Amino acid sequence: MSLLRTAARGMLASMFIYGGLDALRNPGPKVPNAEAVTDELADRIDQLPDDTEALIRANGALQVGAGVCLATNTFARPAAAALAASLVPTTAAGHRFWESDSEATRVQQTIHFLKNVGLLGGLIIAAMDTEGEPGVAWRAQHAIEHSKLLADHQKEVADLTAEVAKAKTESKAAESRVKAAEAAADTRVKAAQTKAAVIATAKQARRDAKLAAKAGRGLSRVVGLAGRTARAAVPPY
């Protein structure tokens, strides 16, 4: 925090600390003016105490405590907001220039009223001063946007994960179909090979049978020829 900002907060808080201490120590003279506000508030707020001096002291204690916090930069922004809230009834009760009969009194009270309005403006600025850091509204908006981006990212990740799982499932199914096709092809190839071997064996058997039959016929002719030759060689009696 800069030195200038520290000094400005201390100067802004000084009047409230002084006025709050005076209200705590000597609330009596302020009662007649305060009753114009407290009576009206009491008609609207049932829980508001009827003791005007107690209300003046409570307002003074608030101003002292919030003024010290503002001057020491301890919860400065909430302290400034609290002082701004306490200044409204204080101004409405203590500087009712519109009720003054004397011109001089009206002018004086108008000056004090406008002075308090200026203080109220300074307190509002102090309550909104983030010292260059992101404010609550910005942080809340940033958190909402970050949450949306995170949700979108998580949705994209989930979608991609689902697509990858689907692709893996389809790949496994395709691999199973390929393996089944390969097994069926192997079975058909083996069946074809077996059939070819059976056919080759049958053909060879037929060839062997033909050769055997041919050899048998040749042998029969040889035997017949030998018999005829033998009969011819025997002399007749």
C-alpha atoms as a PDB file:
ATOM      1  CA  MET A   1       0.000   0.000   0.000  1.00  0.00           C
ATOM      2  CA  SER A   2       1.352   3.439  -0.926  1.00  0.00           C
ATOM      3  CA  LEU A   3       2.177   6.062   1.666  1.00  0.00           C
ATOM      4  CA  LEU A   4      -0.262   8.490   0.062  1.00  0.00           C
ATOM      5  CA  ARG A   5      -3.142   6.042   0.357  1.00  0.00           C
ATOM      6  CA  THR A   6      -2.256   5.367   4.010  1.00  0.00           C
ATOM      7  CA  ALA A   7      -2.212   9.083   4.817  1.00  0.00           C
ATOM      8  CA  ALA A   8      -5.507   9.666   2.984  1.00  0.00           C
ATOM      9  CA  ARG A   9      -7.241   6.897   4.881  1.00  0.00           C
ATOM     10  CA  GLY A  10      -5.955   8.243   8.185  1.00  0.00           C
ATOM     11  CA  MET A  11      -7.191  11.760   7.379  1.00  0.00           C
ATOM     12  CA  LEU A  12     -10.596  10.427   6.292  1.00  0.00           C
ATOM     13  CA  ALA A  13     -10.931   8.364   9.492  1.00  0.00           C
ATOM     14  CA  SER A  14      -9.809  11.124  11.895  1.00  0.00           C
ATOM     15  CA  MET A  15     -13.121  12.970  11.942  1.00  0.00           C
ATOM     16  CA  PHE A  16     -15.092   9.794  12.642  1.00  0.00           C
ATOM     17  CA  ILE A  17     -12.801   8.745  15.486  1.00  0.00           C
ATOM     18  CA  TYR A  18     -13.091  12.191  17.064  1.00  0.00           C
ATOM     19  CA  GLY A  19     -16.861  12.454  16.535  1.00  0.00           C
ATOM     20  CA  GLY A  20     -17.433   8.890  17.717  1.00  0.00           C
ATOM     21  CA  LEU A  21     -15.511   9.489  20.946  1.00  0.00           C
ATOM     22  CA  ASP A  22     -17.529  12.656  21.565  1.00  0.00           C
ATOM     23  CA  ALA A  23     -20.782  10.735  21.036  1.00  0.00           C
ATOM     24  CA  LEU A  24     -19.657   8.054  23.487  1.00  0.00           C
ATOM     25  CA  ARG A  25     -18.629  10.544  26.169  1.00  0.00           C
ATOM     26  CA  ASN A  26     -21.331  13.165  25.794  1.00  0.00           C
ATOM     27  CA  PRO A  27     -24.450  11.920  23.935  1.00  0.00           C
ATOM     28  CA  GLY A  28     -26.897  14.201  25.796  1.00  0.00           C
ATOM     29  CA  PRO A  29     -26.685  17.358  23.642  1.00  0.00           C
ATOM     30  CA  LYS A  30     -27.204  15.268  20.502  1.00  0.00           C
ATOM     31  CA  VAL A  31     -30.448  13.659  21.696  1.00  0.00           C
ATOM     32  CA  PRO A  32     -32.921  16.391  20.525  1.00  0.00           C
ATOM     33  CA  ASN A  33     -31.586  16.388  16.977  1.00  0.00           C
ATOM     34  CA  ALA A  34     -31.215  12.589  16.910  1.00  0.00           C
ATOM     35  CA  GLU A  35     -34.810  12.014  17.990  1.00  0.00           C
ATOM     36  CA  ALA A  36     -36.029  13.427  14.683  1.00  0.00           C
ATOM     37  CA  VAL A  37     -34.440  10.413  13.031  1.00  0.00           C
ATOM     38  CA  THR A  38     -34.744   7.749  15.745  1.00  0.00           C
ATOM     39  CA  ASP A  39     -38.477   8.375  16.266  1.00  0.00           C
ATOM     40  CA  GLU A  40     -39.132   7.944  12.562  1.00  0.00           C
ATOM     41  CA  LEU A  41     -37.003   4.776  12.467  1.00  0.00           C
ATOM     42  CA  ALA A  42     -38.728   3.416  15.578  1.00  0.00           C
ATOM     43  CA  ASP A  43     -42.093   3.647  13.811  1.00  0.00           C
ATOM     44  CA  ARG A  44     -40.703   1.496  10.993  1.00  0.00           C
ATOM     45  CA  ILE A  45     -38.438  -0.872  12.945  1.00  0.00           C
ATOM     46  CA  ASP A  46     -40.075  -2.509  15.956  1.00  0.00           C
ATOM     47  CA  GLN A  47     -36.805  -3.969  17.256  1.00  0.00           C
ATOM     48  CA  LEU A  48     -35.128  -0.538  17.492  1.00  0.00           C
ATOM     49  CA  PRO A  49     -34.521   0.505  21.151  1.00  0.00           C
ATOM     50  CA  ASP A  50     -36.386   3.553  22.480  1.00  0.00           C
ATOM     51  CA  ASP A  51     -33.281   4.859  24.281  1.00  0.00           C
ATOM     52  CA  THR A  52     -31.948   7.560  21.961  1.00  0.00           C
ATOM     53  CA  GLU A  53     -28.755   8.028  23.989  1.00  0.00           C
ATOM     54  CA  ALA A  54     -27.965   4.317  23.619  1.00  0.00           C
ATOM     55  CA  LEU A  55     -28.401   4.605  19.859  1.00  0.00           C
ATOM     56  CA  ILE A  56     -26.110   7.645  19.770  1.00  0.00           C
ATOM     57  CA  ARG A  57     -23.466   5.770  21.756  1.00  0.00           C
ATOM     58  CA  ALA A  58     -23.826   2.712  19.506  1.00  0.00           C
ATOM     59  CA  ASN A  59     -23.348   4.893  16.435  1.00  0.00           C
ATOM     60  CA  GLY A  60     -20.347   6.550  18.096  1.00  0.00           C
ATOM     61  CA  ALA A  61     -18.792   3.177  18.964  1.00  0.00           C
ATOM     62  CA  LEU A  62     -19.278   2.065  15.380  1.00  0.00           C
ATOM     63  CA  GLN A  63     -17.563   5.194  14.093  1.00  0.00           C
ATOM     64  CA  VAL A  64     -14.619   4.813  16.487  1.00  0.00           C
ATOM     65  CA  GLY A  65     -14.080   1.153  15.700  1.00  0.00           C
ATOM     66  CA  ALA A  66     -14.527   1.490  11.935  1.00  0.00           C
ATOM     67  CA  GLY A  67     -12.428   4.676  11.918  1.00  0.00           C
ATOM     68  CA  VAL A  68      -9.518   2.908  13.633  1.00  0.00           C
ATOM     69  CA  CYS A  69      -9.797   0.003  11.186  1.00  0.00           C
ATOM     70  CA  LEU A  70      -9.798   2.385   8.225  1.00  0.00           C
ATOM     71  CA  ALA A  71      -6.820   4.348   9.562  1.00  0.00           C
ATOM     72  CA  THR A  72      -4.779   1.199  10.223  1.00  0.00           C
ATOM     73  CA  ASN A  73      -5.850  -0.510   6.973  1.00  0.00           C
ATOM     74  CA  THR A  74      -7.484  -3.346   8.886  1.00  0.00           C
ATOM     75  CA  PHE A  75     -10.488  -4.490   6.891  1.00  0.00           C
ATOM     76  CA  ALA A  76     -10.363  -1.028   5.376  1.00  0.00           C
ATOM     77  CA  ARG A  77     -13.049  -1.539   2.756  1.00  0.00           C
ATOM     78  CA  PRO A  78     -15.719  -2.958   5.113  1.00  0.00           C
ATOM     79  CA  ALA A  79     -14.766  -0.254   7.634  1.00  0.00           C
ATOM     80  CA  ALA A  80     -15.311   2.470   5.034  1.00  0.00           C
ATOM     81  CA  ALA A  81     -18.679   0.958   4.134  1.00  0.00           C
ATOM     82  CA  ALA A  82     -19.685   0.891   7.818  1.00  0.00           C
ATOM     83  CA  LEU A  83     -18.675   4.533   8.255  1.00  0.00           C
ATOM     84  CA  ALA A  84     -20.680   5.477   5.171  1.00  0.00           C
ATOM     85  CA  ALA A  85     -23.733   3.744   6.630  1.00  0.00           C
ATOM     86  CA  SER A  86     -23.307   5.499  10.009  1.00  0.00           C
ATOM     87  CA  LEU A  87     -22.845   8.896   8.364  1.00  0.00           C
ATOM     88  CA  VAL A  88     -26.315   8.903   6.791  1.00  0.00           C
ATOM     89  CA  PRO A  89     -28.374   9.055  10.046  1.00  0.00           C
ATOM     90  CA  THR A  90     -25.749  11.330  11.624  1.00  0.00           C
ATOM     91  CA  THR A  91     -26.093  13.843   8.800  1.00  0.00           C
ATOM     92  CA  ALA A  92     -29.882  13.567   8.667  1.00  0.00           C
ATOM     93  CA  ALA A  93     -30.105  14.219  12.417  1.00  0.00           C
ATOM     94  CA  GLY A  94     -27.379  16.822  12.897  1.00  0.00           C
ATOM     95  CA  HIS A  95     -27.642  19.013   9.811  1.00  0.00           C
ATOM     96  CA  ARG A  96     -31.312  19.509   8.988  1.00  0.00           C
ATOM     97  CA  PHE A  97     -30.779  22.789   7.168  1.00  0.00           C
ATOM     98  CA  TRP A  98     -34.260  22.692   5.641  1.00  0.00           C
ATOM     99  CA  GLU A  99     -35.788  23.168   9.099  1.00  0.00           C
ATOM    100  CA  SER A 100     -33.707  26.216  10.057  1.00  0.00           C
ATOM    101  CA  ASP A 101     -35.501  29.546  10.393  1.00  0.00           C
ATOM    102  CA  SER A 102     -32.363  31.662  10.484  1.00  0.00           C
ATOM    103  CA  GLU A 103     -30.601  32.330   7.195  1.00  0.00           C
ATOM    104  CA  ALA A 104     -27.199  32.176   8.826  1.00  0.00           C
ATOM    105  CA  THR A 105     -28.017  28.876  10.531  1.00  0.00           C
ATOM    106  CA  ARG A 106     -29.412  27.464   7.294  1.00  0.00           C
ATOM    107  CA  VAL A 107     -26.231  28.407   5.421  1.00  0.00           C
ATOM    108  CA  GLN A 108     -24.030  26.912   8.130  1.00  0.00           C
ATOM    109  CA  GLN A 109     -26.026  23.695   8.292  1.00  0.00           C
ATOM    110  CA  THR A 110     -26.042  23.462   4.487  1.00  0.00           C
ATOM    111  CA  ILE A 111     -22.243  23.704   4.482  1.00  0.00           C
ATOM    112  CA  HIS A 112     -21.980  20.955   7.113  1.00  0.00           C
ATOM    113  CA  PHE A 113     -24.515  18.845   5.217  1.00  0.00           C
ATOM    114  CA  LEU A 114     -22.567  19.140   1.974  1.00  0.00           C
ATOM    115  CA  LYS A 115     -19.329  18.492   3.856  1.00  0.00           C
ATOM    116  CA  ASN A 116     -20.783  15.214   5.082  1.00  0.00           C
ATOM    117  CA  VAL A 117     -21.985  14.403   1.565  1.00  0.00           C
ATOM    118  CA  GLY A 118     -18.390  14.901   0.412  1.00  0.00           C
ATOM    119  CA  LEU A 119     -17.181  12.622   3.203  1.00  0.00           C
ATOM    120  CA  LEU A 120     -19.774  10.056   2.124  1.00  0.00           C
ATOM    121  CA  GLY A 121     -18.387  10.179  -1.395  1.00  0.00           C
ATOM    122  CA  GLY A 122     -14.855   9.679  -0.072  1.00  0.00           C
ATOM    123  CA  LEU A 123     -15.986   6.729   2.015  1.00  0.00           C
ATOM    124  CA  ILE A 124     -17.680   5.139  -0.991  1.00  0.00           C
ATOM    125  CA  ILE A 125     -14.443   5.482  -2.977  1.00  0.00           C
ATOM    126  CA  ALA A 126     -12.487   3.994  -0.053  1.00  0.00           C
ATOM    127  CA  ALA A 127     -14.969   1.120   0.181  1.00  0.00           C
ATOM    128  CA  MET A 128     -14.457   0.381  -3.514  1.00  0.00           C
ATOM    129  CA  ASP A 129     -10.662   0.833  -3.477  1.00  0.00           C
ATOM    130  CA  THR A 130      -8.990  -2.493  -4.236  1.00  0.00           C
ATOM    131  CA  GLU A 131      -5.458  -1.005  -4.363  1.00  0.00           C
ATOM    132  CA  GLY A 132      -5.018  -2.233  -7.897  1.00  0.00           C
ATOM    133  CA  GLU A 133      -6.017  -5.790  -6.991  1.00  0.00           C
ATOM    134  CA  PRO A 134      -9.040  -7.548  -8.505  1.00  0.00           C
ATOM    135  CA  GLY A 135     -12.248  -6.727  -6.673  1.00  0.00           C
ATOM    136  CA  VAL A 136     -14.806  -9.153  -5.309  1.00  0.00           C
ATOM    137  CA  ALA A 137     -17.111  -8.666  -8.291  1.00  0.00           C
ATOM    138  CA  TRP A 138     -14.285  -9.337 -10.747  1.00  0.00           C
ATOM    139  CA  ARG A 139     -13.140 -12.369  -8.784  1.00  0.00           C
ATOM    140  CA  ALA A 140     -16.671 -13.731  -8.635  1.00  0.00           C
ATOM    141  CA  GLN A 141     -17.139 -13.225 -12.383  1.00  0.00           C
ATOM    142  CA  HIS A 142     -13.714 -14.724 -13.053  1.00  0.00           C
ATOM    143  CA  ALA A 143     -14.557 -17.711 -10.849  1.00  0.00           C
ATOM    144  CA  ILE A 144     -17.834 -18.228 -12.723  1.00  0.00           C
ATOM    145  CA  GLU A 145     -16.097 -18.035 -16.105  1.00  0.00           C
ATOM    146  CA  HIS A 146     -13.338 -20.358 -14.894  1.00  0.00           C
ATOM    147  CA  SER A 147     -15.952 -22.814 -13.645  1.00  0.00           C
ATOM    148  CA  LYS A 148     -17.686 -22.726 -17.035  1.00  0.00           C
ATOM    149  CA  LEU A 149     -14.399 -23.279 -18.872  1.00  0.00           C
ATOM    150  CA  LEU A 150     -13.523 -26.113 -16.495  1.00  0.00           C
ATOM    151  CA  ALA A 151     -16.939 -27.687 -17.003  1.00  0.00           C
ATOM    152  CA  ASP A 152     -16.572 -27.409 -20.793  1.00  0.00           C
ATOM    153  CA  HIS A 153     -13.078 -28.909 -20.604  1.00  0.00           C
ATOM    154  CA  GLN A 154     -14.289 -31.776 -18.451  1.00  0.00           C
ATOM    155  CA  LYS A 155     -17.146 -32.393 -20.900  1.00  0.00           C
ATOM    156  CA  GLU A 156     -14.684 -32.443 -23.815  1.00  0.00           C
ATOM    157  CA  VAL A 157     -12.449 -34.861 -21.929  1.00  0.00           C
ATOM    158  CA  ALA A 158     -15.426 -37.076 -21.145  1.00  0.00           C
ATOM    159  CA  ASP A 159     -16.539 -37.010 -24.798  1.00  0.00           C
ATOM    160  CA  LEU A 160     -13.029 -37.847 -26.002  1.00  0.00           C
ATOM    161  CA  THR A 161     -12.763 -40.637 -23.438  1.00  0.00           C
ATOM    162  CA  ALA A 162     -16.072 -42.057 -24.627  1.00  0.00           C
ATOM    163  CA  GLU A 163     -14.951 -41.853 -28.257  1.00  0.00           C
ATOM    164  CA  VAL A 164     -11.654 -43.575 -27.433  1.00  0.00           C
ATOM    165  CA  ALA A 165     -13.479 -46.327 -25.541  1.00  0.00           C
ATOM    166  CA  LYS A 166     -15.884 -46.743 -28.471  1.00  0.00           C
ATOM    167  CA  ALA A 167     -12.975 -46.891 -30.923  1.00  0.00           C
ATOM    168  CA  LYS A 168     -11.218 -49.486 -28.775  1.00  0.00           C
ATOM    169  CA  THR A 169     -14.396 -51.564 -28.615  1.00  0.00           C
ATOM    170  CA  GLU A 170     -14.854 -51.351 -32.371  1.00  0.00           C
ATOM    171  CA  SER A 171     -11.184 -52.194 -32.897  1.00  0.00           C
ATOM    172  CA  LYS A 172     -11.470 -55.268 -30.682  1.00  0.00           C
ATOM    173  CA  ALA A 173     -14.639 -56.332 -32.512  1.00  0.00           C
ATOM    174  CA  ALA A 174     -12.909 -55.870 -35.886  1.00  0.00           C
ATOM    175  CA  GLU A 175      -9.894 -57.813 -34.628  1.00  0.00           C
ATOM    176  CA  SER A 176     -12.174 -60.625 -33.496  1.00  0.00           C
ATOM    177  CA  ARG A 177     -13.875 -60.669 -36.903  1.00  0.00           C
ATOM    178  CA  VAL A 178     -10.490 -60.784 -38.642  1.00  0.00           C
ATOM    179  CA  LYS A 179      -9.344 -63.654 -36.448  1.00  0.00           C
ATOM    180  CA  ALA A 180     -12.607 -65.517 -37.111  1.00  0.00           C
ATOM    181  CA  ALA A 181     -12.204 -64.952 -40.858  1.00  0.00           C
ATOM    182  CA  GLU A 182      -8.599 -66.161 -40.709  1.00  0.00           C
ATOM    183  CA  ALA A 183      -9.658 -69.268 -38.778  1.00  0.00           C
ATOM    184  CA  ALA A 184     -12.429 -69.969 -41.293  1.00  0.00           C
ATOM    185  CA  ALA A 185      -9.975 -69.487 -44.181  1.00  0.00           C
ATOM    186  CA  ASP A 186      -7.501 -71.862 -42.526  1.00  0.00           C
ATOM    187  CA  THR A 187     -10.267 -74.422 -42.087  1.00  0.00           C
ATOM    188  CA  ARG A 188     -11.293 -74.097 -45.727  1.00  0.00           C
ATOM    189  CA  VAL A 189      -7.657 -74.364 -46.858  1.00  0.00           C
ATOM    190  CA  LYS A 190      -7.105 -77.488 -44.754  1.00  0.00           C
ATOM    191  CA  ALA A 191     -10.339 -78.984 -46.061  1.00  0.00           C
ATOM    192  CA  ALA A 192      -9.259 -78.241 -49.613  1.00  0.00           C
ATOM    193  CA  GLN A 193      -5.849 -79.735 -48.980  1.00  0.00           C
ATOM    194  CA  THR A 194      -7.419 -82.862 -47.477  1.00  0.00           C
ATOM    195  CA  LYS A 195      -9.796 -83.156 -50.430  1.00  0.00           C
ATOM    196  CA  ALA A 196      -6.918 -82.725 -52.882  1.00  0.00           C
ATOM    197  CA  ALA A 197      -4.919 -85.422 -51.066  1.00  0.00           C
ATOM    198  CA  VAL A 198      -7.908 -87.809 -51.162  1.00  0.00           C
ATOM    199  CA  ILE A 199      -8.416 -87.133 -54.874  1.00  0.00           C
ATOM    200  CA  ALA A 200      -4.711 -87.655 -55.597  1.00  0.00           C
ATOM    201  CA  THR A 201      -4.747 -90.892 -53.616  1.00  0.00           C
ATOM    202  CA  ALA A 202      -7.828 -92.103 -55.499  1.00  0.00           C
ATOM    203  CA  LYS A 203      -6.278 -91.261 -58.854  1.00  0.00           C
ATOM    204  CA  GLN A 204      -3.093 -93.085 -57.908  1.00  0.00           C
ATOM    205  CA  ALA A 205      -5.117 -96.068 -56.773  1.00  0.00           C
ATOM    206  CA  ARG A 206      -6.962 -96.112 -60.115  1.00  0.00           C
ATOM    207  CA  ARG A 207      -3.676 -95.934 -62.005  1.00  0.00           C
ATOM    208  CA  ASP A 208      -2.249 -98.709 -59.870  1.00  0.00           C
ATOM    209  CA  ALA A 209      -5.364-100.796 -60.488  1.00  0.00           C
ATOM    210  CA  LYS A 210      -5.125-100.251 -64.230  1.00  0.00           C
ATOM    211  CA  LEU A 211      -1.461-101.217 -64.218  1.00  0.00           C
ATOM    212  CA  ALA A 212      -2.229-104.331 -62.158  1.00  0.00           C
ATOM    213  CA  ALA A 213      -5.039-105.309 -64.509  1.00  0.00           C
ATOM    214  CA  LYS A 214      -2.818-104.790 -67.525  1.00  0.00           C
ATOM    215  CA  ALA A 215      -0.048-106.840 -65.906  1.00  0.00           C
ATOM    216  CA  GLY A 216      -2.558-109.584 -65.127  1.00  0.00           C
ATOM    217  CA  ARG A 217      -3.725-109.772 -68.734  1.00  0.00           C
ATOM    218  CA  GLY A 218      -0.092-109.903 -69.940  1.00  0.00           C
ATOM    219  CA  LEU A 219       0.644-112.668 -67.503  1.00  0.00           C
ATOM    220  CA  SER A 220      -2.403-114.614 -68.676  1.00  0.00           C
ATOM    221  CA  ARG A 221      -1.261-114.400 -72.276  1.00  0.00           C
ATOM    222  CA  VAL A 222       2.251-115.536 -71.292  1.00  0.00           C
ATOM    223  CA  VAL A 223       0.830-118.464 -69.343  1.00  0.00           C
ATOM    224  CA  GLY A 224      -1.432-119.383 -72.243  1.00  0.00           C
ATOM    225  CA  LEU A 225       1.411-119.168 -74.729  1.00  0.00           C
ATOM    226  CA  ALA A 226       3.615-121.281 -72.476  1.00  0.00           C
ATOM    227  CA  GLY A 227       0.895-123.894 -72.229  1.00  0.00           C
ATOM    228  CA  ARG A 228       0.418-124.068 -75.942  1.00  0.00           C
ATOM    229  CA  THR A 229       4.162-124.289 -76.458  1.00  0.00           C
ATOM    230  CA  ALA A 230       4.422-127.104 -73.944  1.00  0.00           C
ATOM    231  CA  ARG A 231       1.649-129.067 -75.614  1.00  0.00           C
ATOM    232  CA  ALA A 232       3.229-128.620 -78.966  1.00  0.00           C
ATOM    233  CA  ALA A 233       6.574-129.935 -77.736  1.00  0.00           C
ATOM    234  CA  VAL A 234       5.108-133.237 -76.488  1.00  0.00           C
ATOM    235  CA  PRO A 235       5.309-135.867 -79.280  1.00  0.00           C
ATOM    236  CA  PRO A 236       2.151-137.593 -80.177  1.00  0.00           C
ATOM    237  CA  TYR A 237       1.822-141.252 -79.404  1.00  0.00           C
END
